[in-house]
Protein backbone atom coordinates (compact mmCIF):
# COMPACT_ATOMS: atom_id res chain seq x y z
CA MET A 1 -37.17 26.23 21.83
CA LYS A 2 -34.07 28.17 20.73
CA SER A 3 -33.14 28.99 24.32
CA THR A 4 -33.50 25.30 25.28
CA LEU A 5 -31.18 24.27 22.46
CA PHE A 6 -28.73 26.99 23.40
CA SER A 7 -28.76 25.91 27.04
CA LEU A 8 -28.24 22.29 26.03
CA LEU A 9 -25.31 23.30 23.82
CA ILE A 10 -23.70 25.26 26.68
CA VAL A 11 -24.10 22.28 29.04
CA LEU A 12 -22.61 19.87 26.47
CA LEU A 13 -19.67 22.16 25.78
CA ALA A 14 -18.98 22.63 29.48
CA ALA A 15 -19.12 18.86 30.07
CA GLY A 16 -16.87 18.21 27.08
CA THR A 17 -14.18 20.61 28.20
CA SER A 18 -14.02 19.26 31.73
CA SER A 19 -12.87 15.85 30.42
CA ALA A 20 -10.99 16.89 27.33
CA GLN A 21 -9.19 14.12 25.56
CA ARG A 22 -5.55 14.51 24.60
CA PHE A 23 -4.59 13.68 21.05
CA ALA A 24 -1.72 14.20 18.67
CA ILE A 25 -0.91 13.52 15.05
CA VAL A 26 1.91 11.67 13.31
CA ASP A 27 2.94 11.30 9.70
CA VAL A 28 3.32 7.53 9.37
CA ALA A 29 4.32 7.80 5.69
CA LYS A 30 7.19 10.13 6.58
CA ILE A 31 8.32 7.77 9.34
CA MET A 32 8.22 4.77 6.99
CA ASP A 33 10.03 6.66 4.20
CA ASN A 34 12.86 7.46 6.62
CA LEU A 35 13.11 3.93 8.03
CA PRO A 36 16.19 2.25 6.45
CA GLU A 37 14.62 -1.22 6.68
CA TYR A 38 11.59 0.05 4.76
CA LYS A 39 13.78 1.42 1.98
CA GLU A 40 15.52 -1.96 1.73
CA ALA A 41 12.17 -3.77 1.65
CA GLN A 42 10.94 -1.44 -1.10
CA LYS A 43 14.12 -2.10 -3.11
CA GLN A 44 13.62 -5.86 -2.74
CA LEU A 45 10.00 -5.52 -3.87
CA ASP A 46 11.01 -3.38 -6.85
CA ASP A 47 13.67 -5.93 -7.87
CA ILE A 48 11.23 -8.84 -7.58
CA ALA A 49 8.55 -6.97 -9.52
CA ALA A 50 11.01 -6.08 -12.29
CA LYS A 51 12.10 -9.72 -12.58
CA TRP A 52 8.49 -10.90 -12.80
CA ARG A 53 7.59 -8.18 -15.34
CA GLN A 54 10.51 -9.33 -17.50
CA GLU A 55 9.39 -12.96 -17.21
CA ILE A 56 5.86 -12.03 -18.28
CA SER A 57 7.14 -9.81 -21.10
CA VAL A 58 9.19 -12.71 -22.52
CA GLN A 59 6.13 -14.93 -22.47
CA TYR A 60 4.00 -12.26 -24.18
CA ASP A 61 6.72 -12.02 -26.85
CA GLU A 62 6.38 -15.78 -27.36
CA VAL A 63 2.62 -15.37 -27.84
CA ARG A 64 3.20 -12.60 -30.39
CA SER A 65 5.75 -14.76 -32.16
CA LEU A 66 3.30 -17.69 -32.32
CA TYR A 67 0.62 -15.36 -33.66
CA ASN A 68 2.91 -13.83 -36.30
CA LYS A 69 4.01 -17.29 -37.42
CA TYR A 70 0.36 -18.34 -37.57
CA GLN A 71 -0.54 -15.27 -39.66
CA ALA A 72 2.21 -16.10 -42.16
CA GLU A 73 1.26 -19.79 -42.44
CA GLN A 74 -2.50 -19.44 -42.11
CA VAL A 75 -3.31 -19.72 -45.82
CA LEU A 76 -1.27 -22.93 -46.12
CA LEU A 77 -2.92 -24.68 -43.16
CA SER A 78 -5.93 -26.96 -43.24
CA ASP A 79 -8.96 -25.97 -41.20
CA GLU A 80 -8.00 -28.53 -38.58
CA ASP A 81 -4.40 -27.27 -38.33
CA ARG A 82 -5.59 -23.66 -38.28
CA LYS A 83 -7.95 -24.42 -35.38
CA ALA A 84 -5.14 -26.23 -33.50
CA LYS A 85 -2.76 -23.26 -33.92
CA GLU A 86 -5.47 -20.80 -32.78
CA ASP A 87 -6.15 -22.96 -29.73
CA GLU A 88 -2.41 -23.13 -28.96
CA ILE A 89 -2.10 -19.33 -29.17
CA THR A 90 -5.22 -18.77 -27.05
CA SER A 91 -4.04 -21.28 -24.47
CA LYS A 92 -0.59 -19.70 -24.23
CA GLU A 93 -2.11 -16.23 -23.93
CA LYS A 94 -4.42 -17.38 -21.10
CA GLU A 95 -1.44 -18.99 -19.39
CA VAL A 96 0.51 -15.72 -19.48
CA MET A 97 -2.50 -13.73 -18.28
CA GLU A 98 -2.94 -16.17 -15.40
CA LEU A 99 0.74 -15.80 -14.48
CA GLN A 100 0.36 -12.01 -14.53
CA LYS A 101 -2.66 -12.27 -12.23
CA GLN A 102 -0.81 -14.70 -9.95
CA ARG A 103 2.16 -12.33 -9.66
CA PHE A 104 0.49 -8.91 -9.60
CA GLY A 105 -3.17 -9.56 -8.72
CA PRO A 106 -4.82 -8.14 -5.59
CA GLU A 107 -3.94 -11.25 -3.57
CA GLY A 108 -0.96 -12.21 -5.74
CA ASP A 109 2.66 -13.02 -5.02
CA LEU A 110 3.76 -9.38 -4.91
CA PHE A 111 1.01 -8.52 -2.42
CA ARG A 112 2.04 -11.43 -0.18
CA LYS A 113 5.72 -10.54 -0.46
CA ARG A 114 4.91 -6.92 0.44
CA GLN A 115 3.00 -8.17 3.49
CA GLU A 116 5.94 -10.37 4.46
CA LEU A 117 8.51 -7.57 4.17
CA VAL A 118 6.57 -4.45 5.13
CA GLN A 119 4.05 -5.62 7.73
CA PRO A 120 6.68 -6.21 10.46
CA LEU A 121 7.99 -2.68 9.88
CA GLN A 122 4.50 -1.20 10.05
CA ASP A 123 3.92 -3.15 13.26
CA LYS A 124 7.18 -1.75 14.67
CA VAL A 125 6.09 1.81 13.90
CA GLN A 126 2.59 1.20 15.30
CA GLN A 127 4.14 -0.23 18.48
CA ALA A 128 6.37 2.83 18.90
CA ILE A 129 3.39 5.15 18.40
CA ALA A 130 1.29 3.21 20.91
CA GLU A 131 4.12 3.24 23.49
CA TYR A 132 4.70 6.96 22.98
CA ALA A 133 0.99 7.72 23.32
CA ASP A 134 0.80 5.63 26.48
CA GLN A 135 3.90 7.26 28.02
CA LYS A 136 2.70 10.77 27.23
CA GLY A 137 -0.93 10.16 28.17
CA TYR A 138 -2.49 10.65 24.74
CA ASP A 139 -5.97 9.23 24.19
CA ALA A 140 -5.66 9.20 20.39
CA MET A 141 -2.98 9.49 17.73
CA LEU A 142 -4.11 10.40 14.20
CA ASP A 143 -2.17 9.66 11.00
CA LYS A 144 -2.02 12.83 8.93
CA SER A 145 -0.50 11.02 5.94
CA ILE A 146 -3.76 9.28 5.05
CA ASN A 147 -5.82 12.49 4.93
CA ALA A 148 -8.66 10.95 6.91
CA GLY A 149 -10.35 14.24 7.66
CA VAL A 150 -7.43 16.15 9.20
CA ILE A 151 -7.79 19.53 7.56
CA PHE A 152 -5.39 21.42 9.77
CA ALA A 153 -3.10 20.45 12.61
CA SER A 154 -0.76 22.64 14.58
CA ASP A 155 2.91 21.72 14.55
CA GLN A 156 2.67 21.58 18.35
CA ILE A 157 0.57 18.41 18.21
CA ASP A 158 2.60 16.77 15.40
CA LYS A 159 4.70 14.13 17.15
CA THR A 160 6.32 12.63 14.03
CA LYS A 161 9.83 13.76 15.03
CA GLN A 162 9.45 12.30 18.51
CA ILE A 163 8.32 8.92 17.14
CA MET A 164 11.22 8.93 14.66
CA ALA A 165 13.64 9.67 17.51
CA LYS A 166 12.10 6.82 19.53
CA LEU A 167 12.79 4.51 16.58
CA GLY A 168 16.31 5.90 16.13
CA ILE A 169 15.51 7.38 12.72
CA LYS A 170 17.15 10.52 11.40
CA ALA A 171 14.91 12.51 9.08
CA ASN A 172 16.11 12.69 5.49
CA LYS A 173 13.25 14.86 4.37
């Protein structure tokens, strides 16, 4: 049984080496970080996000102000007026929370804006990688920046610099 398994292993290894696949790795994050258009897109996203955070902060301040005013006047209000003020505060708070979700939620405005600005750049990098792999005869290109199981890779198979040169990018890092 052991000799059969050993023989099978030898046959599989011999067959595998006769048609070895060529592969290389790239660091897509490093490429993106050195892409000037990506830096500009990130700056735009940061500016938009800061503006929206400020807008939401102002509205939360309004909710706090309504609540503080309510706390001060609460003893003077009738039950009906008290209930109306509480409903107003709750409604305004829900409105602000909904705006926050609309802006920063998983499928929110910031996500869509990021897709609009960054996706074309990612596509450009992917295209360059695919063209490079095709020109050089690579069967697979792995992204070492996402840590998808690449434990070690020799610098000889890291083609990040070549892809950056193909895109006309000078490494800053």
